Amino acid sequence: MKKKIIIPYFHSGFKYAFPFIFLLGGLLIYWKLYIFGSIFLTFSVLSIGMYYVTEIDLRNKRYSDYFFFLGLKLYHKSEKFTGIDRVYLIKEDQAQTVSTRAQYRKLNWTEFTAILLFTNGKTLELLTKNDKRELMLQLLDMIKFLKTEVEDRTTPQHFWIDLNKVK
């Protein structure tokens, strides 16, 4: 039994822009602007063919983590595990300073990450989102497949999440 988490490399909004970028590239080639047209065509093909993939095989007790690029598995990492302990959620506060000549601005945001903990102590990051509810909704199928519990470590008081109440 295998289960995959597939995360697009580019923002999901690019899948709606793909036809327009592809058409623009075709028009630029038609107008004999070959270099610009080929750049747009290449970008449009790359935007739909690049993914991060995490695959967990419970039968062979092996997980694979790789970058999928137009049918090729790149940066492939595969390891065996003895068992699955739990999935836990962590919260990370992020900050970045953007500065221009006239002013600077500090951007603050929060990220929630789901981490799979194996019985041998190794961990595997499953998914990161800016919204905890969205993270749980995307991981619900994987958690049910793994038949494990979810621990919320985003607050000082850790607690177990009831998966029946996630909607």
N, C-alpha and C. Protein backbone atom coordinates (compact mmCIF):
# COMPACT_ATOMS: atom_id res chain seq x y z
N MET A 1 0.84 -1.18 0.00
CA MET A 1 0.00 0.00 0.00
C MET A 1 0.88 1.24 0.00
N LYS A 2 0.71 2.06 -1.01
CA LYS A 2 1.49 3.29 -1.13
C LYS A 2 0.57 4.49 -1.13
N LYS A 3 1.08 5.59 -0.62
CA LYS A 3 0.36 6.86 -0.63
C LYS A 3 1.36 7.96 -0.93
N LYS A 4 0.94 8.93 -1.75
CA LYS A 4 1.83 10.03 -2.14
C LYS A 4 1.24 11.37 -1.73
N ILE A 5 2.12 12.27 -1.35
CA ILE A 5 1.78 13.68 -1.20
C ILE A 5 2.50 14.40 -2.32
N ILE A 6 1.73 15.05 -3.19
CA ILE A 6 2.31 15.74 -4.35
C ILE A 6 2.07 17.24 -4.17
N ILE A 7 3.17 17.99 -4.14
CA ILE A 7 3.10 19.43 -3.93
C ILE A 7 3.68 20.12 -5.16
N PRO A 8 2.91 20.98 -5.84
CA PRO A 8 3.45 21.68 -7.01
C PRO A 8 4.62 22.58 -6.61
N TYR A 9 5.62 22.65 -7.49
CA TYR A 9 6.78 23.49 -7.23
C TYR A 9 6.40 24.96 -7.32
N PHE A 10 5.62 25.31 -8.34
CA PHE A 10 5.14 26.67 -8.48
C PHE A 10 3.79 26.82 -7.81
N HIS A 11 3.41 28.04 -7.52
CA HIS A 11 2.12 28.31 -6.89
C HIS A 11 0.99 27.71 -7.72
N SER A 12 -0.05 27.26 -7.06
CA SER A 12 -1.14 26.58 -7.76
C SER A 12 -1.86 27.49 -8.76
N GLY A 13 -1.74 28.79 -8.61
CA GLY A 13 -2.35 29.71 -9.56
C GLY A 13 -1.74 29.65 -10.95
N PHE A 14 -0.53 29.11 -11.05
CA PHE A 14 0.12 29.00 -12.37
C PHE A 14 -0.59 28.03 -13.29
N LYS A 15 -1.32 27.06 -12.73
CA LYS A 15 -2.00 26.12 -13.60
C LYS A 15 -3.11 26.81 -14.40
N TYR A 16 -3.63 27.91 -13.88
CA TYR A 16 -4.63 28.69 -14.62
C TYR A 16 -3.97 29.62 -15.63
N ALA A 17 -2.75 30.04 -15.34
CA ALA A 17 -2.02 30.93 -16.24
C ALA A 17 -1.30 30.17 -17.34
N PHE A 18 -1.14 28.86 -17.18
CA PHE A 18 -0.39 28.05 -18.15
C PHE A 18 -0.88 28.23 -19.59
N PRO A 19 -2.18 28.12 -19.88
CA PRO A 19 -2.60 28.26 -21.29
C PRO A 19 -2.25 29.63 -21.88
N PHE A 20 -2.36 30.68 -21.07
CA PHE A 20 -2.06 32.02 -21.57
C PHE A 20 -0.57 32.20 -21.85
N ILE A 21 0.26 31.68 -20.95
CA ILE A 21 1.72 31.77 -21.14
C ILE A 21 2.13 30.96 -22.37
N PHE A 22 1.53 29.77 -22.51
CA PHE A 22 1.83 28.92 -23.66
C PHE A 22 1.40 29.59 -24.96
N LEU A 23 0.21 30.18 -24.96
CA LEU A 23 -0.29 30.89 -26.15
C LEU A 23 0.58 32.10 -26.48
N LEU A 24 0.98 32.83 -25.46
CA LEU A 24 1.85 33.99 -25.68
C LEU A 24 3.19 33.55 -26.28
N GLY A 25 3.73 32.45 -25.79
CA GLY A 25 4.98 31.93 -26.35
C GLY A 25 4.81 31.54 -27.80
N GLY A 26 3.68 30.91 -28.13
CA GLY A 26 3.41 30.53 -29.52
C GLY A 26 3.26 31.75 -30.41
N LEU A 27 2.58 32.79 -29.92
CA LEU A 27 2.43 34.02 -30.70
C LEU A 27 3.77 34.72 -30.92
N LEU A 28 4.61 34.73 -29.90
CA LEU A 28 5.92 35.37 -30.06
C LEU A 28 6.78 34.63 -31.09
N ILE A 29 6.69 33.32 -31.11
CA ILE A 29 7.41 32.56 -32.13
C ILE A 29 6.82 32.83 -33.51
N TYR A 30 5.50 32.93 -33.59
CA TYR A 30 4.83 33.24 -34.86
C TYR A 30 5.26 34.61 -35.39
N TRP A 31 5.46 35.56 -34.46
CA TRP A 31 5.90 36.90 -34.85
C TRP A 31 7.42 36.98 -35.01
N LYS A 32 8.09 35.83 -35.05
CA LYS A 32 9.52 35.71 -35.28
C LYS A 32 10.37 36.27 -34.14
N LEU A 33 9.85 36.26 -32.94
CA LEU A 33 10.61 36.61 -31.74
C LEU A 33 10.94 35.29 -31.04
N TYR A 34 11.85 34.53 -31.65
CA TYR A 34 12.11 33.15 -31.26
C TYR A 34 12.63 33.02 -29.83
N ILE A 35 13.51 33.89 -29.42
CA ILE A 35 14.12 33.78 -28.10
C ILE A 35 13.07 34.00 -27.01
N PHE A 36 12.30 35.08 -27.13
CA PHE A 36 11.26 35.36 -26.14
C PHE A 36 10.17 34.29 -26.15
N GLY A 37 9.80 33.85 -27.33
CA GLY A 37 8.79 32.80 -27.45
C GLY A 37 9.24 31.50 -26.82
N SER A 38 10.49 31.12 -27.05
CA SER A 38 10.98 29.87 -26.46
C SER A 38 11.09 29.98 -24.94
N ILE A 39 11.40 31.17 -24.42
CA ILE A 39 11.43 31.35 -22.96
C ILE A 39 10.04 31.15 -22.37
N PHE A 40 9.03 31.74 -22.99
CA PHE A 40 7.66 31.59 -22.50
C PHE A 40 7.18 30.14 -22.62
N LEU A 41 7.49 29.49 -23.73
CA LEU A 41 7.09 28.09 -23.90
C LEU A 41 7.78 27.19 -22.87
N THR A 42 9.05 27.41 -22.65
CA THR A 42 9.79 26.61 -21.68
C THR A 42 9.23 26.81 -20.28
N PHE A 43 8.96 28.06 -19.91
CA PHE A 43 8.42 28.34 -18.58
C PHE A 43 7.04 27.71 -18.41
N SER A 44 6.22 27.73 -19.44
CA SER A 44 4.88 27.15 -19.32
C SER A 44 4.95 25.65 -19.13
N VAL A 45 5.85 24.97 -19.83
CA VAL A 45 5.99 23.53 -19.66
C VAL A 45 6.57 23.20 -18.29
N LEU A 46 7.55 23.97 -17.84
CA LEU A 46 8.14 23.73 -16.52
C LEU A 46 7.14 23.96 -15.40
N SER A 47 6.25 24.93 -15.59
CA SER A 47 5.32 25.26 -14.51
C SER A 47 4.31 24.17 -14.24
N ILE A 48 4.05 23.29 -15.19
CA ILE A 48 3.11 22.19 -14.93
C ILE A 48 3.81 20.85 -14.72
N GLY A 49 5.12 20.80 -14.87
CA GLY A 49 5.82 19.53 -14.78
C GLY A 49 6.79 19.40 -13.63
N MET A 50 6.69 20.25 -12.60
CA MET A 50 7.64 20.20 -11.48
C MET A 50 6.86 20.04 -10.17
N TYR A 51 7.23 19.01 -9.39
CA TYR A 51 6.53 18.70 -8.14
C TYR A 51 7.52 18.19 -7.10
N TYR A 52 7.17 18.41 -5.83
CA TYR A 52 7.81 17.73 -4.72
C TYR A 52 6.91 16.54 -4.38
N VAL A 53 7.49 15.37 -4.19
CA VAL A 53 6.70 14.17 -3.92
C VAL A 53 7.25 13.47 -2.69
N THR A 54 6.35 13.13 -1.77
CA THR A 54 6.68 12.29 -0.63
C THR A 54 5.82 11.05 -0.76
N GLU A 55 6.46 9.89 -0.82
CA GLU A 55 5.75 8.62 -1.01
C GLU A 55 6.06 7.70 0.17
N ILE A 56 5.00 7.13 0.76
CA ILE A 56 5.17 6.23 1.90
C ILE A 56 4.59 4.88 1.52
N ASP A 57 5.41 3.84 1.66
CA ASP A 57 5.00 2.48 1.34
C ASP A 57 4.95 1.69 2.65
N LEU A 58 3.73 1.37 3.11
CA LEU A 58 3.58 0.66 4.37
C LEU A 58 3.92 -0.82 4.27
N ARG A 59 3.76 -1.41 3.09
CA ARG A 59 4.04 -2.84 2.93
C ARG A 59 5.55 -3.11 3.06
N ASN A 60 6.37 -2.31 2.38
CA ASN A 60 7.82 -2.48 2.45
C ASN A 60 8.47 -1.65 3.54
N LYS A 61 7.68 -0.85 4.25
CA LYS A 61 8.16 0.05 5.30
C LYS A 61 9.31 0.91 4.80
N ARG A 62 9.02 1.68 3.77
CA ARG A 62 10.01 2.55 3.14
C ARG A 62 9.33 3.85 2.73
N TYR A 63 10.05 4.96 2.91
CA TYR A 63 9.54 6.24 2.40
C TYR A 63 10.53 6.81 1.40
N SER A 64 9.98 7.53 0.44
CA SER A 64 10.79 8.20 -0.58
C SER A 64 10.40 9.66 -0.63
N ASP A 65 11.40 10.50 -0.76
CA ASP A 65 11.19 11.93 -0.86
C ASP A 65 12.01 12.40 -2.06
N TYR A 66 11.35 13.01 -3.05
CA TYR A 66 12.08 13.39 -4.25
C TYR A 66 11.42 14.57 -4.96
N PHE A 67 12.16 15.12 -5.90
CA PHE A 67 11.72 16.22 -6.76
C PHE A 67 11.39 15.61 -8.12
N PHE A 68 10.15 15.77 -8.57
CA PHE A 68 9.68 15.19 -9.83
C PHE A 68 9.73 16.27 -10.90
N PHE A 69 10.52 16.03 -11.96
CA PHE A 69 10.69 17.03 -13.01
C PHE A 69 10.51 16.36 -14.36
N LEU A 70 9.36 16.60 -14.99
CA LEU A 70 9.04 16.07 -16.32
C LEU A 70 9.31 14.57 -16.44
N GLY A 71 8.84 13.81 -15.45
CA GLY A 71 8.98 12.36 -15.49
C GLY A 71 10.24 11.81 -14.86
N LEU A 72 11.14 12.69 -14.41
CA LEU A 72 12.39 12.24 -13.79
C LEU A 72 12.34 12.46 -12.28
N LYS A 73 12.86 11.51 -11.54
CA LYS A 73 12.98 11.66 -10.09
C LYS A 73 14.37 12.21 -9.78
N LEU A 74 14.42 13.44 -9.29
CA LEU A 74 15.68 14.08 -8.95
C LEU A 74 15.78 14.23 -7.43
N TYR A 75 17.00 14.28 -6.93
CA TYR A 75 17.26 14.43 -5.49
C TYR A 75 16.48 13.39 -4.70
N HIS A 76 16.54 12.16 -5.15
CA HIS A 76 15.77 11.07 -4.57
C HIS A 76 16.39 10.60 -3.26
N LYS A 77 15.60 10.60 -2.20
CA LYS A 77 16.05 10.12 -0.89
C LYS A 77 15.06 9.04 -0.45
N SER A 78 15.54 7.85 -0.20
CA SER A 78 14.68 6.75 0.19
C SER A 78 15.29 6.04 1.38
N GLU A 79 14.47 5.80 2.40
CA GLU A 79 14.95 5.13 3.61
C GLU A 79 13.90 4.18 4.14
N LYS A 80 14.36 3.17 4.86
CA LYS A 80 13.46 2.24 5.52
C LYS A 80 13.11 2.77 6.91
N PHE A 81 11.94 2.36 7.41
CA PHE A 81 11.55 2.70 8.77
C PHE A 81 10.98 1.45 9.43
N THR A 82 11.02 1.42 10.75
CA THR A 82 10.51 0.26 11.47
C THR A 82 9.03 0.39 11.78
N GLY A 83 8.60 1.57 12.10
CA GLY A 83 7.19 1.82 12.40
C GLY A 83 6.92 3.31 12.47
N ILE A 84 5.64 3.65 12.53
CA ILE A 84 5.23 5.06 12.58
C ILE A 84 4.68 5.35 13.97
N ASP A 85 5.23 6.39 14.59
CA ASP A 85 4.80 6.74 15.94
C ASP A 85 3.60 7.70 15.89
N ARG A 86 3.78 8.84 15.27
CA ARG A 86 2.71 9.85 15.22
C ARG A 86 3.06 10.93 14.22
N VAL A 87 2.09 11.78 13.95
CA VAL A 87 2.29 13.01 13.19
C VAL A 87 2.10 14.14 14.19
N TYR A 88 3.01 15.10 14.16
CA TYR A 88 2.81 16.25 15.03
C TYR A 88 2.94 17.54 14.24
N LEU A 89 2.25 18.56 14.73
CA LEU A 89 2.23 19.87 14.09
C LEU A 89 3.07 20.83 14.91
N ILE A 90 3.87 21.64 14.21
CA ILE A 90 4.63 22.69 14.87
C ILE A 90 4.31 24.03 14.22
N LYS A 91 4.55 25.07 14.95
CA LYS A 91 4.30 26.43 14.48
C LYS A 91 5.63 27.17 14.44
N GLU A 92 5.87 27.86 13.31
CA GLU A 92 7.09 28.63 13.16
C GLU A 92 6.71 30.06 12.78
N ASP A 93 7.21 31.02 13.54
CA ASP A 93 7.01 32.43 13.21
C ASP A 93 8.13 32.88 12.30
N GLN A 94 7.77 33.44 11.17
CA GLN A 94 8.74 33.87 10.16
C GLN A 94 8.72 35.40 10.06
N ALA A 95 9.85 35.97 9.69
CA ALA A 95 9.95 37.42 9.49
C ALA A 95 10.97 37.69 8.39
N GLN A 96 10.66 38.70 7.60
CA GLN A 96 11.58 39.11 6.54
C GLN A 96 11.51 40.62 6.40
N THR A 97 12.65 41.24 6.21
CA THR A 97 12.71 42.69 6.03
C THR A 97 12.94 42.98 4.56
N VAL A 98 12.06 43.80 4.00
CA VAL A 98 12.18 44.24 2.61
C VAL A 98 12.53 45.71 2.64
N SER A 99 13.64 46.06 2.00
CA SER A 99 14.06 47.45 2.04
C SER A 99 14.25 48.01 0.64
N THR A 100 13.87 49.24 0.50
CA THR A 100 14.12 50.00 -0.73
C THR A 100 14.95 51.21 -0.34
N ARG A 101 15.20 52.08 -1.28
CA ARG A 101 15.99 53.29 -0.95
C ARG A 101 15.28 54.18 0.05
N ALA A 102 13.97 54.31 -0.10
CA ALA A 102 13.24 55.26 0.72
C ALA A 102 12.77 54.68 2.06
N GLN A 103 12.43 53.40 2.10
CA GLN A 103 11.86 52.85 3.32
C GLN A 103 12.15 51.36 3.42
N TYR A 104 11.84 50.82 4.57
CA TYR A 104 11.92 49.38 4.73
C TYR A 104 10.65 48.90 5.43
N ARG A 105 10.33 47.66 5.19
CA ARG A 105 9.12 47.09 5.75
C ARG A 105 9.44 45.70 6.27
N LYS A 106 8.91 45.38 7.43
CA LYS A 106 9.11 44.05 8.01
C LYS A 106 7.82 43.26 7.83
N LEU A 107 7.97 42.08 7.20
CA LEU A 107 6.83 41.19 6.98
C LEU A 107 6.89 40.05 7.99
N ASN A 108 5.79 39.80 8.67
CA ASN A 108 5.70 38.71 9.64
C ASN A 108 4.59 37.76 9.21
N TRP A 109 4.85 36.46 9.33
CA TRP A 109 3.82 35.47 9.06
C TRP A 109 4.11 34.20 9.86
N THR A 110 3.14 33.32 9.91
CA THR A 110 3.25 32.08 10.66
C THR A 110 3.09 30.91 9.71
N GLU A 111 3.93 29.89 9.88
CA GLU A 111 3.83 28.67 9.10
C GLU A 111 3.59 27.49 10.03
N PHE A 112 2.74 26.57 9.59
CA PHE A 112 2.46 25.35 10.33
C PHE A 112 3.01 24.18 9.52
N THR A 113 3.75 23.30 10.17
CA THR A 113 4.38 22.17 9.50
C THR A 113 3.94 20.87 10.17
N ALA A 114 3.59 19.89 9.34
CA ALA A 114 3.26 18.55 9.82
C ALA A 114 4.50 17.67 9.65
N ILE A 115 4.89 17.03 10.72
CA ILE A 115 6.09 16.20 10.73
C ILE A 115 5.71 14.77 11.15
N LEU A 116 6.17 13.81 10.37
CA LEU A 116 5.93 12.41 10.67
C LEU A 116 7.09 11.88 11.51
N LEU A 117 6.76 11.32 12.67
CA LEU A 117 7.77 10.79 13.58
C LEU A 117 7.74 9.27 13.50
N PHE A 118 8.89 8.67 13.19
CA PHE A 118 9.00 7.22 13.12
C PHE A 118 9.41 6.68 14.49
N THR A 119 9.22 5.38 14.70
CA THR A 119 9.54 4.79 16.00
C THR A 119 11.03 4.77 16.30
N ASN A 120 11.87 4.85 15.26
CA ASN A 120 13.32 4.88 15.50
C ASN A 120 13.84 6.30 15.75
N GLY A 121 12.94 7.28 15.85
CA GLY A 121 13.33 8.65 16.17
C GLY A 121 13.55 9.56 14.97
N LYS A 122 13.58 9.00 13.76
CA LYS A 122 13.75 9.84 12.57
C LYS A 122 12.45 10.57 12.26
N THR A 123 12.60 11.70 11.57
CA THR A 123 11.43 12.50 11.21
C THR A 123 11.41 12.78 9.72
N LEU A 124 10.21 13.11 9.23
CA LEU A 124 10.03 13.46 7.83
C LEU A 124 8.99 14.57 7.76
N GLU A 125 9.38 15.71 7.17
CA GLU A 125 8.43 16.81 6.98
C GLU A 125 7.45 16.43 5.89
N LEU A 126 6.16 16.49 6.21
CA LEU A 126 5.14 16.12 5.23
C LEU A 126 4.66 17.33 4.43
N LEU A 127 4.29 18.40 5.13
CA LEU A 127 3.68 19.53 4.44
C LEU A 127 3.78 20.78 5.31
N THR A 128 3.90 21.93 4.68
CA THR A 128 3.92 23.22 5.38
C THR A 128 2.90 24.15 4.74
N LYS A 129 2.09 24.78 5.56
CA LYS A 129 1.07 25.73 5.10
C LYS A 129 1.03 26.92 6.04
N ASN A 130 0.39 28.00 5.60
CA ASN A 130 0.23 29.18 6.43
C ASN A 130 -1.02 29.10 7.31
N ASP A 131 -1.91 28.16 7.03
CA ASP A 131 -3.16 28.01 7.76
C ASP A 131 -3.23 26.59 8.32
N LYS A 132 -3.44 26.48 9.62
CA LYS A 132 -3.46 25.16 10.26
C LYS A 132 -4.64 24.31 9.79
N ARG A 133 -5.78 24.92 9.60
CA ARG A 133 -6.96 24.18 9.13
C ARG A 133 -6.73 23.62 7.73
N GLU A 134 -6.17 24.43 6.85
CA GLU A 134 -5.86 23.99 5.49
C GLU A 134 -4.84 22.85 5.50
N LEU A 135 -3.86 22.92 6.38
CA LEU A 135 -2.87 21.87 6.53
C LEU A 135 -3.53 20.56 6.94
N MET A 136 -4.41 20.63 7.93
CA MET A 136 -5.08 19.42 8.41
C MET A 136 -5.99 18.82 7.33
N LEU A 137 -6.69 19.66 6.58
CA LEU A 137 -7.57 19.16 5.52
C LEU A 137 -6.77 18.44 4.43
N GLN A 138 -5.60 18.97 4.09
CA GLN A 138 -4.78 18.32 3.06
C GLN A 138 -4.13 17.03 3.56
N LEU A 139 -3.89 16.94 4.85
CA LEU A 139 -3.23 15.76 5.40
C LEU A 139 -4.19 14.68 5.88
N LEU A 140 -5.47 14.95 5.89
CA LEU A 140 -6.44 14.04 6.46
C LEU A 140 -6.38 12.65 5.82
N ASP A 141 -6.32 12.56 4.51
CA ASP A 141 -6.25 11.26 3.83
C ASP A 141 -4.96 10.52 4.19
N MET A 142 -3.84 11.23 4.24
CA MET A 142 -2.57 10.61 4.57
C MET A 142 -2.58 10.08 6.01
N ILE A 143 -3.15 10.84 6.92
CA ILE A 143 -3.18 10.43 8.33
C ILE A 143 -4.06 9.19 8.49
N LYS A 144 -5.19 9.16 7.79
CA LYS A 144 -6.05 7.98 7.86
C LYS A 144 -5.36 6.77 7.23
N PHE A 145 -4.59 6.99 6.17
CA PHE A 145 -3.84 5.91 5.53
C PHE A 145 -2.77 5.36 6.48
N LEU A 146 -2.10 6.24 7.21
CA LEU A 146 -1.06 5.83 8.14
C LEU A 146 -1.62 5.23 9.43
N LYS A 147 -2.90 5.45 9.68
CA LYS A 147 -3.57 4.95 10.91
C LYS A 147 -2.80 5.40 12.15
N THR A 148 -2.60 6.69 12.23
CA THR A 148 -1.86 7.26 13.35
C THR A 148 -2.62 8.44 13.94
N GLU A 149 -2.12 8.96 15.03
CA GLU A 149 -2.74 10.10 15.69
C GLU A 149 -1.93 11.36 15.39
N VAL A 150 -2.57 12.50 15.63
CA VAL A 150 -1.93 13.80 15.38
C VAL A 150 -1.83 14.56 16.69
N GLU A 151 -0.62 14.99 17.00
CA GLU A 151 -0.37 15.79 18.19
C GLU A 151 -0.14 17.23 17.77
N ASP A 152 -0.82 18.15 18.42
CA ASP A 152 -0.68 19.57 18.12
C ASP A 152 0.31 20.18 19.11
N ARG A 153 1.46 20.61 18.58
CA ARG A 153 2.49 21.24 19.40
C ARG A 153 2.61 22.72 19.09
N THR A 154 1.54 23.32 18.58
CA THR A 154 1.60 24.73 18.20
C THR A 154 1.35 25.65 19.39
N THR A 155 0.88 25.11 20.50
CA THR A 155 0.65 25.90 21.70
C THR A 155 1.53 25.34 22.81
N PRO A 156 1.72 26.09 23.89
CA PRO A 156 2.53 25.56 25.00
C PRO A 156 1.94 24.29 25.61
N GLN A 157 0.62 24.15 25.57
CA GLN A 157 -0.05 22.96 26.08
C GLN A 157 -0.33 22.03 24.91
N HIS A 158 0.46 20.96 24.74
CA HIS A 158 0.29 20.03 23.62
C HIS A 158 -0.97 19.20 23.83
N PHE A 159 -1.66 18.88 22.72
CA PHE A 159 -2.88 18.07 22.81
C PHE A 159 -3.04 17.24 21.55
N TRP A 160 -3.88 16.21 21.64
CA TRP A 160 -4.17 15.33 20.51
C TRP A 160 -5.36 15.87 19.75
N ILE A 161 -5.31 15.82 18.43
CA ILE A 161 -6.39 16.34 17.58
C ILE A 161 -7.36 15.21 17.27
N ASP A 162 -8.65 15.48 17.46
CA ASP A 162 -9.70 14.53 17.10
C ASP A 162 -9.96 14.67 15.60
N LEU A 163 -9.59 13.64 14.84
CA LEU A 163 -9.70 13.71 13.37
C LEU A 163 -11.15 13.73 12.90
N ASN A 164 -12.09 13.30 13.73
CA ASN A 164 -13.50 13.32 13.33
C ASN A 164 -14.05 14.74 13.31
N LYS A 165 -13.39 15.67 13.99
CA LYS A 165 -13.86 17.06 14.04
C LYS A 165 -13.19 17.96 13.02
N VAL A 166 -12.27 17.42 12.23
CA VAL A 166 -11.58 18.22 11.20
C VAL A 166 -12.47 18.32 9.99
N LYS A 167 -12.88 19.54 9.67
CA LYS A 167 -13.75 19.78 8.50
C LYS A 167 -13.33 21.02 7.78
